[in-house]
Amino acid sequence: MDNVDSIPRCFHRGAPRFEVNNVLGGLYRVKGVKRNGRKQQLLFVVSVVQQHSSNTHIAKVVSRPPTNTQKLEDHIAWLKSDIVPDSKSHLIFDFRDNDFVYLIFHRNHYNLKIVMYSGHWKPLSSVLVKDIGLQILQAVRFLHREVKTHGDICPEHIEFLDSFCSTEESYNEQTEQYETETIITSTNIRLAFYGDLEIAQHLNGTDQYRAPEVVFGGKSTPESDRFSVGCILGEMAVLYDAISGRFPEGLAITIEEAFPGTFDDLEIRPKCPDTISGTCRQFYKTFRGWQDLFDDRDLIEVLVNLVHTNPQMRESLDAIACFEYFRYTNDDID
C-alpha cells in the first residue's frame, strides 16, 4: 500500500470527507471524489486487494445512524435485490466500521456524457435519442413506483451496459482523406442509482439538470426528476446542454417572488454573482421558446410538458411515454 494515506481516527466524525489516496477499510483506495453530501459521499475507488484489477467502482459512504438502523439495512437489502436491475446500479459489496457504512457499486465505463462529448462518436440519430430516452423514462418510472426519487439524473449517470459500437470509414471531401467514425450499434442502458442521496454542492442557478425548485434549496421529488429527464432528452437532440440557464421569460419573476432580493430590479443582474450564471443571464433576453432549438414538434411537445417552471405542470412519465414522440417504440410500455 505504498503512497496511500492513512486516516486519523479524529477524521471519523460527522459527514464523510475522504480524499484521494485514502483507503476505505483497508479494501478500496480513493481515486477521486464524485459528490459530497451532508451525510454521504460518492467516491471513485479501486480495489487494494485485487491489485491487478484496474476497474474503477463507485463507493457510497454513509455516516452510521445512531438510531433507526433498520431503515438503512432495508435500503441496502433493496439495493441488493435483483428487481429491474437496469434502474439501479449493481451493489457489489458492503462493509462498515464504527463510523461509516461503505457501499461498493459496479461502474460501467461508457456513459452518455462520454458518448456525446468525447469527440470520438458520431452524433446520436433521432432514432437513438428516442430509444435511449424511452429507457430513461422506464428506469425513472420504476424508481417512482418504488417510492424513491433519483435526484441526480444526468448524462454521466446513464451508462451503456454492453459492447455497443462499431467503426466505419467514410471519405471526407474537404480533407480528401478517409476518416474513421465510431457508430453506436446498441442502446442498452442503465440509469445509475446509488440509493437515496443528499447532495448539496452546486451553486444556485448553475446546474442544468436539476429543477429550479431543487437548485434553490427544495427537496427532490418525482416532479423534479421529470424536469431532469426533459433536460437530457433536449441535450441528446441538440448535442449541447440546451436547458442550461435557458428558461422562459417568467422564471426570473417566479424566482424573485420565492426568493426576494435575488435580482436587482428584476433585471438579470443578481446581487450575488454566484446566484445565477452568466450563461443564464445572456440567453434570457433572446430565448423565445422551444421552437428556437428544435424542429421536431413531437419532441417539443414532450419537452414543454416536462421542463416546466411549475412542478405541478410537469406531465407524469406514464403519460409522456405514450406521447406521439415515443409512439413507434411504445410496445413495451406497460
C-alpha atoms as a PDB file:
ATOM      1  CA  MET A   1       0.000   0.000   0.000  1.00  0.00           C
ATOM      2  CA  ASP A   2       2.711   2.479  -0.954  1.00  0.00           C
ATOM      3  CA  ASN A   3       1.737   6.148  -1.345  1.00  0.00           C
ATOM      4  CA  VAL A   4      -1.556   5.521   0.438  1.00  0.00           C
ATOM      5  CA  ASP A   5      -2.533   7.913   3.188  1.00  0.00           C
ATOM      6  CA  SER A   6      -3.876   6.574   6.447  1.00  0.00           C
ATOM      7  CA  ILE A   7      -6.915   8.220   8.025  1.00  0.00           C
ATOM      8  CA  PRO A   8      -6.633   9.562  11.580  1.00  0.00           C
ATOM      9  CA  ARG A   9      -9.363   8.479  13.959  1.00  0.00           C
ATOM     10  CA  CYS A  10     -10.357  12.096  14.585  1.00  0.00           C
ATOM     11  CA  PHE A  11     -11.474  12.215  10.937  1.00  0.00           C
ATOM     12  CA  HIS A  12     -14.336   9.838  11.611  1.00  0.00           C
ATOM     13  CA  ARG A  13     -16.842  12.349  12.885  1.00  0.00           C
ATOM     14  CA  GLY A  14     -19.815  13.884  11.105  1.00  0.00           C
ATOM     15  CA  ALA A  15     -20.058  13.797   7.316  1.00  0.00           C
ATOM     16  CA  PRO A  16     -17.600  11.567   5.432  1.00  0.00           C
ATOM     17  CA  ARG A  17     -14.938  13.600   3.650  1.00  0.00           C
ATOM     18  CA  PHE A  18     -12.459  11.127   2.213  1.00  0.00           C
ATOM     19  CA  GLU A  19      -9.774  12.359  -0.155  1.00  0.00           C
ATOM     20  CA  VAL A  20      -7.648  10.907  -2.948  1.00  0.00           C
ATOM     21  CA  ASN A  21      -5.405   8.031  -1.777  1.00  0.00           C
ATOM     22  CA  ASN A  22      -7.335   7.450   1.448  1.00  0.00           C
ATOM     23  CA  VAL A  23      -8.188   3.776   1.944  1.00  0.00           C
ATOM     24  CA  LEU A  24     -11.651   2.591   2.916  1.00  0.00           C
ATOM     25  CA  GLY A  25     -11.477  -0.210   5.452  1.00  0.00           C
ATOM     26  CA  GLY A  26      -8.170  -1.419   4.037  1.00  0.00           C
ATOM     27  CA  LEU A  27     -10.006  -2.611   0.917  1.00  0.00           C
ATOM     28  CA  TYR A  28     -10.514   0.249  -1.562  1.00  0.00           C
ATOM     29  CA  ARG A  29      -8.325   3.227  -2.424  1.00  0.00           C
ATOM     30  CA  VAL A  30      -9.933   6.541  -3.364  1.00  0.00           C
ATOM     31  CA  LYS A  31      -9.126   7.723  -6.903  1.00  0.00           C
ATOM     32  CA  GLY A  32     -11.398  10.750  -6.868  1.00  0.00           C
ATOM     33  CA  VAL A  33     -14.375  12.455  -5.265  1.00  0.00           C
ATOM     34  CA  LYS A  34     -17.590  12.329  -7.273  1.00  0.00           C
ATOM     35  CA  ARG A  35     -20.100  14.048  -4.949  1.00  0.00           C
ATOM     36  CA  ASN A  36     -20.179  15.419  -1.420  1.00  0.00           C
ATOM     37  CA  GLY A  37     -23.404  15.355   0.577  1.00  0.00           C
ATOM     38  CA  ARG A  38     -24.452  16.447   4.032  1.00  0.00           C
ATOM     39  CA  LYS A  39     -24.177  12.919   5.455  1.00  0.00           C
ATOM     40  CA  GLN A  40     -22.878  10.983   2.465  1.00  0.00           C
ATOM     41  CA  GLN A  41     -20.119  10.918  -0.105  1.00  0.00           C
ATOM     42  CA  LEU A  42     -19.710   9.330  -3.531  1.00  0.00           C
ATOM     43  CA  LEU A  43     -16.171   8.297  -4.474  1.00  0.00           C
ATOM     44  CA  PHE A  44     -14.304   6.701  -7.365  1.00  0.00           C
ATOM     45  CA  VAL A  45     -12.369   3.769  -5.892  1.00  0.00           C
ATOM     46  CA  VAL A  46     -10.177   0.835  -6.936  1.00  0.00           C
ATOM     47  CA  SER A  47      -9.564  -2.404  -5.083  1.00  0.00           C
ATOM     48  CA  VAL A  48      -6.454  -2.609  -2.930  1.00  0.00           C
ATOM     49  CA  VAL A  49      -6.793  -6.379  -2.547  1.00  0.00           C
ATOM     50  CA  GLN A  50      -7.094  -7.082  -6.284  1.00  0.00           C
ATOM     51  CA  GLN A  51      -4.002  -5.101  -7.253  1.00  0.00           C
ATOM     52  CA  HIS A  52      -4.001  -6.330 -10.854  1.00  0.00           C
ATOM     53  CA  SER A  53      -7.521  -5.042 -11.437  1.00  0.00           C
ATOM     54  CA  SER A  54      -7.851  -1.568 -12.951  1.00  0.00           C
ATOM     55  CA  ASN A  55     -11.639  -1.451 -12.662  1.00  0.00           C
ATOM     56  CA  THR A  56     -12.953   1.714 -11.086  1.00  0.00           C
ATOM     57  CA  HIS A  57     -16.003   1.357  -8.851  1.00  0.00           C
ATOM     58  CA  ILE A  58     -18.292   3.804  -7.099  1.00  0.00           C
ATOM     59  CA  ALA A  59     -18.248   3.866  -3.304  1.00  0.00           C
ATOM     60  CA  LYS A  60     -21.097   5.435  -1.399  1.00  0.00           C
ATOM     61  CA  VAL A  61     -20.010   6.269   2.142  1.00  0.00           C
ATOM     62  CA  VAL A  62     -22.778   6.927   4.656  1.00  0.00           C
ATOM     63  CA  SER A  63     -22.467   8.074   8.255  1.00  0.00           C
ATOM     64  CA  ARG A  64     -23.766   5.330  10.524  1.00  0.00           C
ATOM     65  CA  PRO A  65     -27.049   6.405  12.101  1.00  0.00           C
ATOM     66  CA  PRO A  66     -27.117   6.365  15.909  1.00  0.00           C
ATOM     67  CA  THR A  67     -30.681   5.020  15.838  1.00  0.00           C
ATOM     68  CA  ASN A  68     -33.163   3.515  13.371  1.00  0.00           C
ATOM     69  CA  THR A  69     -30.532   1.323  11.747  1.00  0.00           C
ATOM     70  CA  GLN A  70     -33.255  -0.933  10.342  1.00  0.00           C
ATOM     71  CA  LYS A  71     -34.166   1.694   7.752  1.00  0.00           C
ATOM     72  CA  LEU A  72     -30.596   1.655   6.442  1.00  0.00           C
ATOM     73  CA  GLU A  73     -30.498  -2.148   6.442  1.00  0.00           C
ATOM     74  CA  ASP A  74     -33.771  -2.277   4.494  1.00  0.00           C
ATOM     75  CA  HIS A  75     -32.370   0.176   1.959  1.00  0.00           C
ATOM     76  CA  ILE A  76     -29.218  -1.913   1.482  1.00  0.00           C
ATOM     77  CA  ALA A  77     -31.363  -5.026   1.022  1.00  0.00           C
ATOM     78  CA  TRP A  78     -33.340  -3.207  -1.677  1.00  0.00           C
ATOM     79  CA  LEU A  79     -30.127  -2.192  -3.460  1.00  0.00           C
ATOM     80  CA  LYS A  80     -29.002  -5.841  -3.433  1.00  0.00           C
ATOM     81  CA  SER A  81     -32.280  -7.101  -4.871  1.00  0.00           C
ATOM     82  CA  ASP A  82     -32.472  -8.241  -8.487  1.00  0.00           C
ATOM     83  CA  ILE A  83     -35.683  -6.460  -9.429  1.00  0.00           C
ATOM     84  CA  VAL A  84     -35.327  -4.373 -12.608  1.00  0.00           C
ATOM     85  CA  PRO A  85     -31.518  -4.108 -12.441  1.00  0.00           C
ATOM     86  CA  ASP A  86     -31.351  -1.507 -15.225  1.00  0.00           C
ATOM     87  CA  SER A  87     -32.969   1.027 -12.904  1.00  0.00           C
ATOM     88  CA  LYS A  88     -30.254   0.920 -10.266  1.00  0.00           C
ATOM     89  CA  SER A  89     -26.565   0.169 -10.025  1.00  0.00           C
ATOM     90  CA  HIS A  90     -25.281  -3.256  -9.028  1.00  0.00           C
ATOM     91  CA  LEU A  91     -24.177  -3.330  -5.388  1.00  0.00           C
ATOM     92  CA  ILE A  92     -21.027  -5.463  -5.329  1.00  0.00           C
ATOM     93  CA  PHE A  93     -20.084  -5.340  -1.684  1.00  0.00           C
ATOM     94  CA  ASP A  94     -20.901  -3.571   1.569  1.00  0.00           C
ATOM     95  CA  PHE A  95     -18.984  -3.264   4.813  1.00  0.00           C
ATOM     96  CA  ARG A  96     -18.839  -0.919   7.777  1.00  0.00           C
ATOM     97  CA  ASP A  97     -16.775   0.320  10.677  1.00  0.00           C
ATOM     98  CA  ASN A  98     -17.696   2.246  13.818  1.00  0.00           C
ATOM     99  CA  ASP A  99     -18.328   5.453  11.894  1.00  0.00           C
ATOM    100  CA  PHE A 100     -19.411   4.720   8.336  1.00  0.00           C
ATOM    101  CA  VAL A 101     -21.188   2.263   6.081  1.00  0.00           C
ATOM    102  CA  TYR A 102     -19.438   1.597   2.751  1.00  0.00           C
ATOM    103  CA  LEU A 103     -21.409   0.514  -0.316  1.00  0.00           C
ATOM    104  CA  ILE A 104     -19.373  -0.515  -3.376  1.00  0.00           C
ATOM    105  CA  PHE A 105     -21.149  -0.347  -6.745  1.00  0.00           C
ATOM    106  CA  HIS A 106     -20.188  -1.609 -10.180  1.00  0.00           C
ATOM    107  CA  ARG A 107     -19.499   1.187 -12.663  1.00  0.00           C
ATOM    108  CA  ASN A 108     -19.786   0.856 -16.426  1.00  0.00           C
ATOM    109  CA  HIS A 109     -17.032   2.703 -18.259  1.00  0.00           C
ATOM    110  CA  TYR A 110     -19.066   4.270 -21.045  1.00  0.00           C
ATOM    111  CA  ASN A 111     -21.828   6.714 -20.239  1.00  0.00           C
ATOM    112  CA  LEU A 112     -23.930   9.180 -22.191  1.00  0.00           C
ATOM    113  CA  LYS A 113     -21.703  12.131 -21.304  1.00  0.00           C
ATOM    114  CA  ILE A 114     -18.661  10.419 -22.832  1.00  0.00           C
ATOM    115  CA  VAL A 115     -20.600   9.427 -25.941  1.00  0.00           C
ATOM    116  CA  MET A 116     -21.945  12.929 -26.522  1.00  0.00           C
ATOM    117  CA  TYR A 117     -18.831  14.989 -25.823  1.00  0.00           C
ATOM    118  CA  SER A 118     -15.645  12.937 -26.214  1.00  0.00           C
ATOM    119  CA  GLY A 119     -15.459  13.717 -29.935  1.00  0.00           C
ATOM    120  CA  HIS A 120     -14.969  10.068 -30.886  1.00  0.00           C
ATOM    121  CA  TRP A 121     -18.593   9.279 -31.618  1.00  0.00           C
ATOM    122  CA  LYS A 122     -20.892  10.059 -34.483  1.00  0.00           C
ATOM    123  CA  PRO A 123     -23.786  12.274 -33.261  1.00  0.00           C
ATOM    124  CA  LEU A 124     -26.815  10.396 -31.954  1.00  0.00           C
ATOM    125  CA  SER A 125     -29.514   9.836 -34.537  1.00  0.00           C
ATOM    126  CA  SER A 126     -33.112  10.777 -33.769  1.00  0.00           C
ATOM    127  CA  VAL A 127     -33.931   7.055 -33.527  1.00  0.00           C
ATOM    128  CA  LEU A 128     -31.224   6.507 -30.888  1.00  0.00           C
ATOM    129  CA  VAL A 129     -32.352   9.583 -28.956  1.00  0.00           C
ATOM    130  CA  LYS A 130     -35.872   8.168 -28.781  1.00  0.00           C
ATOM    131  CA  ASP A 131     -34.679   4.691 -27.823  1.00  0.00           C
ATOM    132  CA  ILE A 132     -32.383   5.930 -25.057  1.00  0.00           C
ATOM    133  CA  GLY A 133     -34.993   8.421 -23.898  1.00  0.00           C
ATOM    134  CA  LEU A 134     -37.647   5.746 -23.566  1.00  0.00           C
ATOM    135  CA  GLN A 135     -35.320   3.549 -21.486  1.00  0.00           C
ATOM    136  CA  ILE A 136     -34.616   6.508 -19.202  1.00  0.00           C
ATOM    137  CA  LEU A 137     -38.358   7.012 -18.778  1.00  0.00           C
ATOM    138  CA  GLN A 138     -38.838   3.360 -17.874  1.00  0.00           C
ATOM    139  CA  ALA A 139     -35.995   3.401 -15.329  1.00  0.00           C
ATOM    140  CA  VAL A 140     -37.236   6.545 -13.591  1.00  0.00           C
ATOM    141  CA  ARG A 141     -40.824   5.262 -13.598  1.00  0.00           C
ATOM    142  CA  PHE A 142     -39.643   2.147 -11.791  1.00  0.00           C
ATOM    143  CA  LEU A 143     -37.902   4.171  -9.089  1.00  0.00           C
ATOM    144  CA  HIS A 144     -41.007   6.266  -8.563  1.00  0.00           C
ATOM    145  CA  ARG A 145     -43.124   3.124  -8.236  1.00  0.00           C
ATOM    146  CA  GLU A 146     -40.710   2.025  -5.524  1.00  0.00           C
ATOM    147  CA  VAL A 147     -41.379   5.380  -3.820  1.00  0.00           C
ATOM    148  CA  LYS A 148     -37.831   6.552  -4.473  1.00  0.00           C
ATOM    149  CA  THR A 149     -36.575   9.756  -6.057  1.00  0.00           C
ATOM    150  CA  HIS A 150     -33.328   9.776  -8.007  1.00  0.00           C
ATOM    151  CA  GLY A 151     -32.375  13.420  -7.510  1.00  0.00           C
ATOM    152  CA  ASP A 152     -29.240  13.351  -9.688  1.00  0.00           C
ATOM    153  CA  ILE A 153     -30.314  12.366 -13.210  1.00  0.00           C
ATOM    154  CA  CYS A 154     -27.621  13.493 -15.653  1.00  0.00           C
ATOM    155  CA  PRO A 155     -25.761  12.092 -18.717  1.00  0.00           C
ATOM    156  CA  GLU A 156     -22.921  10.808 -16.528  1.00  0.00           C
ATOM    157  CA  HIS A 157     -25.383   8.502 -14.755  1.00  0.00           C
ATOM    158  CA  ILE A 158     -26.757   6.960 -17.952  1.00  0.00           C
ATOM    159  CA  GLU A 159     -24.436   4.010 -18.575  1.00  0.00           C
ATOM    160  CA  PHE A 160     -24.182   1.703 -21.576  1.00  0.00           C
ATOM    161  CA  LEU A 161     -24.359  -1.918 -20.470  1.00  0.00           C
ATOM    162  CA  ASP A 162     -22.616  -3.872 -23.211  1.00  0.00           C
ATOM    163  CA  SER A 163     -20.450  -3.701 -26.325  1.00  0.00           C
ATOM    164  CA  PHE A 164     -22.350  -1.093 -28.216  1.00  0.00           C
ATOM    165  CA  CYS A 165     -20.227   0.336 -31.010  1.00  0.00           C
ATOM    166  CA  SER A 166     -18.578  -0.367 -34.339  1.00  0.00           C
ATOM    167  CA  THR A 167     -16.372   1.653 -36.658  1.00  0.00           C
ATOM    168  CA  GLU A 168     -16.784   2.633 -40.273  1.00  0.00           C
ATOM    169  CA  GLU A 169     -14.695   4.584 -42.761  1.00  0.00           C
ATOM    170  CA  SER A 170     -16.017   7.485 -44.784  1.00  0.00           C
ATOM    171  CA  TYR A 171     -14.380   9.803 -47.296  1.00  0.00           C
ATOM    172  CA  ASN A 172     -14.130  13.467 -46.309  1.00  0.00           C
ATOM    173  CA  GLU A 173     -14.239  15.561 -49.466  1.00  0.00           C
ATOM    174  CA  GLN A 174     -12.904  18.640 -47.689  1.00  0.00           C
ATOM    175  CA  THR A 175      -9.770  16.962 -46.345  1.00  0.00           C
ATOM    176  CA  GLU A 176      -9.627  14.427 -49.210  1.00  0.00           C
ATOM    177  CA  GLN A 177      -8.925  11.718 -46.675  1.00  0.00           C
ATOM    178  CA  TYR A 178     -10.707   8.699 -45.275  1.00  0.00           C
ATOM    179  CA  GLU A 179     -11.869   9.130 -41.695  1.00  0.00           C
ATOM    180  CA  THR A 180     -12.927   6.549 -39.137  1.00  0.00           C
ATOM    181  CA  GLU A 181     -16.128   7.148 -37.189  1.00  0.00           C
ATOM    182  CA  THR A 182     -17.422   5.233 -34.191  1.00  0.00           C
ATOM    183  CA  ILE A 183     -21.060   4.238 -34.586  1.00  0.00           C
ATOM    184  CA  ILE A 184     -23.360   3.239 -31.730  1.00  0.00           C
ATOM    185  CA  THR A 185     -24.984  -0.098 -32.533  1.00  0.00           C
ATOM    186  CA  SER A 186     -26.651  -0.911 -29.211  1.00  0.00           C
ATOM    187  CA  THR A 187     -28.546   1.354 -26.838  1.00  0.00           C
ATOM    188  CA  ASN A 188     -28.961  -0.961 -23.869  1.00  0.00           C
ATOM    189  CA  ILE A 189     -28.539   1.499 -20.998  1.00  0.00           C
ATOM    190  CA  ARG A 190     -28.870   1.675 -17.234  1.00  0.00           C
ATOM    191  CA  LEU A 191     -29.699   4.664 -15.072  1.00  0.00           C
ATOM    192  CA  ALA A 192     -27.050   4.579 -12.351  1.00  0.00           C
ATOM    193  CA  PHE A 193     -28.706   4.954  -8.959  1.00  0.00           C
ATOM    194  CA  TYR A 194     -26.722   4.595  -5.756  1.00  0.00           C
ATOM    195  CA  GLY A 195     -29.585   4.938  -3.337  1.00  0.00           C
ATOM    196  CA  ASP A 196     -31.003   7.998  -1.659  1.00  0.00           C
ATOM    197  CA  LEU A 197     -28.639  10.960  -1.897  1.00  0.00           C
ATOM    198  CA  GLU A 198     -28.352  14.240  -0.053  1.00  0.00           C
ATOM    199  CA  ILE A 199     -26.159  16.195  -2.416  1.00  0.00           C
ATOM    200  CA  ALA A 200     -25.612  19.897  -1.760  1.00  0.00           C
ATOM    201  CA  GLN A 201     -22.595  21.173  -3.647  1.00  0.00           C
ATOM    202  CA  HIS A 202     -23.905  23.052  -6.688  1.00  0.00           C
ATOM    203  CA  LEU A 203     -24.057  26.826  -6.948  1.00  0.00           C
ATOM    204  CA  ASN A 204     -27.569  28.153  -7.311  1.00  0.00           C
ATOM    205  CA  GLY A 205     -28.543  28.588 -10.940  1.00  0.00           C
ATOM    206  CA  THR A 206     -25.623  26.674 -12.449  1.00  0.00           C
ATOM    207  CA  ASP A 207     -26.976  23.116 -12.565  1.00  0.00           C
ATOM    208  CA  GLN A 208     -28.527  22.337 -15.934  1.00  0.00           C
ATOM    209  CA  TYR A 209     -30.259  19.109 -14.919  1.00  0.00           C
ATOM    210  CA  ARG A 210     -31.966  19.913 -11.625  1.00  0.00           C
ATOM    211  CA  ALA A 211     -35.348  21.577 -11.458  1.00  0.00           C
ATOM    212  CA  PRO A 212     -35.417  25.239 -10.345  1.00  0.00           C
ATOM    213  CA  GLU A 213     -37.054  24.427  -7.011  1.00  0.00           C
ATOM    214  CA  VAL A 214     -34.251  21.940  -6.207  1.00  0.00           C
ATOM    215  CA  VAL A 215     -31.466  24.264  -7.323  1.00  0.00           C
ATOM    216  CA  PHE A 216     -32.837  26.858  -4.924  1.00  0.00           C
ATOM    217  CA  GLY A 217     -32.905  24.545  -1.937  1.00  0.00           C
ATOM    218  CA  GLY A 218     -36.067  22.488  -2.334  1.00  0.00           C
ATOM    219  CA  LYS A 219     -36.312  18.734  -1.866  1.00  0.00           C
ATOM    220  CA  SER A 220     -36.017  16.343  -4.815  1.00  0.00           C
ATOM    221  CA  THR A 221     -39.381  14.927  -5.855  1.00  0.00           C
ATOM    222  CA  PRO A 222     -40.782  12.828  -8.713  1.00  0.00           C
ATOM    223  CA  GLU A 223     -41.692  16.141 -10.354  1.00  0.00           C
ATOM    224  CA  SER A 224     -38.090  17.352 -10.206  1.00  0.00           C
ATOM    225  CA  ASP A 225     -36.936  14.039 -11.703  1.00  0.00           C
ATOM    226  CA  ARG A 226     -39.305  14.678 -14.616  1.00  0.00           C
ATOM    227  CA  PHE A 227     -37.617  18.019 -15.214  1.00  0.00           C
ATOM    228  CA  SER A 228     -34.204  16.308 -15.338  1.00  0.00           C
ATOM    229  CA  VAL A 229     -35.434  13.722 -17.844  1.00  0.00           C
ATOM    230  CA  GLY A 230     -36.628  16.538 -20.100  1.00  0.00           C
ATOM    231  CA  CYS A 231     -33.251  18.269 -19.861  1.00  0.00           C
ATOM    232  CA  ILE A 232     -31.432  15.140 -21.011  1.00  0.00           C
ATOM    233  CA  LEU A 233     -33.845  14.494 -23.888  1.00  0.00           C
ATOM    234  CA  GLY A 234     -33.249  18.020 -25.135  1.00  0.00           C
ATOM    235  CA  GLU A 235     -29.498  17.736 -24.732  1.00  0.00           C
ATOM    236  CA  MET A 236     -29.327  14.473 -26.676  1.00  0.00           C
ATOM    237  CA  ALA A 237     -31.298  16.061 -29.514  1.00  0.00           C
ATOM    238  CA  VAL A 238     -29.074  19.125 -29.971  1.00  0.00           C
ATOM    239  CA  LEU A 239     -25.825  17.727 -28.502  1.00  0.00           C
ATOM    240  CA  TYR A 240     -25.223  20.569 -26.096  1.00  0.00           C
ATOM    241  CA  ASP A 241     -26.713  21.444 -22.719  1.00  0.00           C
ATOM    242  CA  ALA A 242     -29.797  23.002 -24.242  1.00  0.00           C
ATOM    243  CA  ILE A 243     -31.581  23.564 -20.960  1.00  0.00           C
ATOM    244  CA  SER A 244     -28.717  25.123 -19.024  1.00  0.00           C
ATOM    245  CA  GLY A 245     -29.847  28.562 -17.983  1.00  0.00           C
ATOM    246  CA  ARG A 246     -32.353  28.890 -20.796  1.00  0.00           C
ATOM    247  CA  PHE A 247     -35.630  29.471 -19.119  1.00  0.00           C
ATOM    248  CA  PRO A 248     -38.976  31.072 -20.033  1.00  0.00           C
ATOM    249  CA  GLU A 249     -39.272  34.814 -19.550  1.00  0.00           C
ATOM    250  CA  GLY A 250     -41.431  34.486 -16.445  1.00  0.00           C
ATOM    251  CA  LEU A 251     -38.896  32.429 -14.496  1.00  0.00           C
ATOM    252  CA  ALA A 252     -36.973  35.449 -13.197  1.00  0.00           C
ATOM    253  CA  ILE A 253     -40.193  36.824 -11.717  1.00  0.00           C
ATOM    254  CA  THR A 254     -41.040  33.417 -10.238  1.00  0.00           C
ATOM    255  CA  ILE A 255     -37.614  33.183  -8.599  1.00  0.00           C
ATOM    256  CA  GLU A 256     -37.838  36.747  -7.318  1.00  0.00           C
ATOM    257  CA  GLU A 257     -41.220  36.053  -5.727  1.00  0.00           C
ATOM    258  CA  ALA A 258     -39.925  32.924  -3.979  1.00  0.00           C
ATOM    259  CA  PHE A 259     -36.525  34.403  -3.078  1.00  0.00           C
ATOM    260  CA  PRO A 260     -36.861  38.198  -2.783  1.00  0.00           C
ATOM    261  CA  GLY A 261     -33.680  40.095  -3.498  1.00  0.00           C
ATOM    262  CA  THR A 262     -32.174  37.602  -5.936  1.00  0.00           C
ATOM    263  CA  PHE A 263     -32.378  40.116  -8.786  1.00  0.00           C
ATOM    264  CA  ASP A 264     -31.698  43.839  -8.903  1.00  0.00           C
ATOM    265  CA  ASP A 265     -34.972  45.482 -10.023  1.00  0.00           C
ATOM    266  CA  LEU A 266     -35.826  42.260 -11.883  1.00  0.00           C
ATOM    267  CA  GLU A 267     -33.052  42.887 -14.374  1.00  0.00           C
ATOM    268  CA  ILE A 268     -30.812  39.905 -14.957  1.00  0.00           C
ATOM    269  CA  ARG A 269     -28.100  41.199 -12.670  1.00  0.00           C
ATOM    270  CA  PRO A 270     -28.173  39.153  -9.489  1.00  0.00           C
ATOM    271  CA  LYS A 271     -26.978  40.848  -6.343  1.00  0.00           C
ATOM    272  CA  CYS A 272     -24.904  37.763  -5.588  1.00  0.00           C
ATOM    273  CA  PRO A 273     -22.731  36.862  -8.630  1.00  0.00           C
ATOM    274  CA  ASP A 274     -22.795  33.159  -7.742  1.00  0.00           C
ATOM    275  CA  THR A 275     -26.588  33.011  -7.703  1.00  0.00           C
ATOM    276  CA  ILE A 276     -27.354  32.995 -11.446  1.00  0.00           C
ATOM    277  CA  SER A 277     -24.753  32.007 -14.030  1.00  0.00           C
ATOM    278  CA  GLY A 278     -23.667  34.355 -16.805  1.00  0.00           C
ATOM    279  CA  THR A 279     -24.981  31.884 -19.364  1.00  0.00           C
ATOM    280  CA  CYS A 280     -28.439  32.191 -17.857  1.00  0.00           C
ATOM    281  CA  ARG A 281     -28.392  35.976 -17.959  1.00  0.00           C
ATOM    282  CA  GLN A 282     -27.056  36.152 -21.519  1.00  0.00           C
ATOM    283  CA  PHE A 283     -29.656  33.866 -23.044  1.00  0.00           C
ATOM    284  CA  TYR A 284     -32.567  35.258 -21.050  1.00  0.00           C
ATOM    285  CA  LYS A 285     -33.164  38.263 -23.336  1.00  0.00           C
ATOM    286  CA  THR A 286     -33.466  36.358 -26.624  1.00  0.00           C
ATOM    287  CA  PHE A 287     -34.933  32.946 -25.874  1.00  0.00           C
ATOM    288  CA  ARG A 288     -38.478  32.733 -27.311  1.00  0.00           C
ATOM    289  CA  GLY A 289     -39.319  29.084 -26.713  1.00  0.00           C
ATOM    290  CA  TRP A 290     -38.533  25.516 -27.677  1.00  0.00           C
ATOM    291  CA  GLN A 291     -39.082  26.337 -31.339  1.00  0.00           C
ATOM    292  CA  ASP A 292     -35.738  28.179 -31.184  1.00  0.00           C
ATOM    293  CA  LEU A 293     -33.960  24.893 -30.549  1.00  0.00           C
ATOM    294  CA  PHE A 294     -35.924  22.093 -32.234  1.00  0.00           C
ATOM    295  CA  ASP A 295     -37.773  21.427 -35.478  1.00  0.00           C
ATOM    296  CA  ASP A 296     -39.406  18.234 -34.205  1.00  0.00           C
ATOM    297  CA  ARG A 297     -42.893  19.201 -32.997  1.00  0.00           C
ATOM    298  CA  ASP A 298     -43.385  15.881 -31.223  1.00  0.00           C
ATOM    299  CA  LEU A 299     -40.167  16.396 -29.248  1.00  0.00           C
ATOM    300  CA  ILE A 300     -41.212  19.954 -28.408  1.00  0.00           C
ATOM    301  CA  GLU A 301     -44.480  18.578 -27.016  1.00  0.00           C
ATOM    302  CA  VAL A 302     -42.536  16.247 -24.707  1.00  0.00           C
ATOM    303  CA  LEU A 303     -40.167  18.967 -23.502  1.00  0.00           C
ATOM    304  CA  VAL A 304     -42.897  21.530 -22.905  1.00  0.00           C
ATOM    305  CA  ASN A 305     -44.658  19.030 -20.648  1.00  0.00           C
ATOM    306  CA  LEU A 306     -41.515  18.062 -18.712  1.00  0.00           C
ATOM    307  CA  VAL A 307     -39.282  21.132 -18.443  1.00  0.00           C
ATOM    308  CA  HIS A 308     -41.812  23.416 -16.822  1.00  0.00           C
ATOM    309  CA  THR A 309     -41.166  26.013 -14.119  1.00  0.00           C
ATOM    310  CA  ASN A 310     -44.215  24.911 -12.150  1.00  0.00           C
ATOM    311  CA  PRO A 311     -43.655  21.363 -10.791  1.00  0.00           C
ATOM    312  CA  GLN A 312     -47.384  20.641 -10.857  1.00  0.00           C
ATOM    313  CA  MET A 313     -47.496  21.339 -14.598  1.00  0.00           C
ATOM    314  CA  ARG A 314     -44.960  18.612 -15.427  1.00  0.00           C
ATOM    315  CA  GLU A 315     -46.732  15.666 -17.004  1.00  0.00           C
ATOM    316  CA  SER A 316     -46.360  12.206 -15.474  1.00  0.00           C
ATOM    317  CA  LEU A 317     -43.791   9.922 -17.088  1.00  0.00           C
ATOM    318  CA  ASP A 318     -46.504   7.316 -17.666  1.00  0.00           C
ATOM    319  CA  ALA A 319     -48.320   9.834 -19.844  1.00  0.00           C
ATOM    320  CA  ILE A 320     -45.133  11.099 -21.535  1.00  0.00           C
ATOM    321  CA  ALA A 321     -44.237   7.546 -22.595  1.00  0.00           C
ATOM    322  CA  CYS A 322     -47.481   7.461 -24.587  1.00  0.00           C
ATOM    323  CA  PHE A 323     -46.878  10.752 -26.419  1.00  0.00           C
ATOM    324  CA  GLU A 324     -46.583  10.681 -30.200  1.00  0.00           C
ATOM    325  CA  TYR A 325     -42.819  11.212 -29.986  1.00  0.00           C
ATOM    326  CA  PHE A 326     -42.369   7.761 -28.426  1.00  0.00           C
ATOM    327  CA  ARG A 327     -45.185   6.050 -30.311  1.00  0.00           C
ATOM    328  CA  TYR A 328     -43.083   3.812 -32.556  1.00  0.00           C
ATOM    329  CA  THR A 329     -41.101   2.366 -29.609  1.00  0.00           C
ATOM    330  CA  ASN A 330     -44.020   2.151 -27.228  1.00  0.00           C
ATOM    331  CA  ASP A 331     -44.806  -1.579 -27.487  1.00  0.00           C
ATOM    332  CA  ASP A 332     -43.015  -2.416 -24.232  1.00  0.00           C
ATOM    333  CA  ILE A 333     -44.700   0.250 -22.106  1.00  0.00           C
ATOM    334  CA  ASP A 334     -46.949  -1.330 -19.507  1.00  0.00           C
END
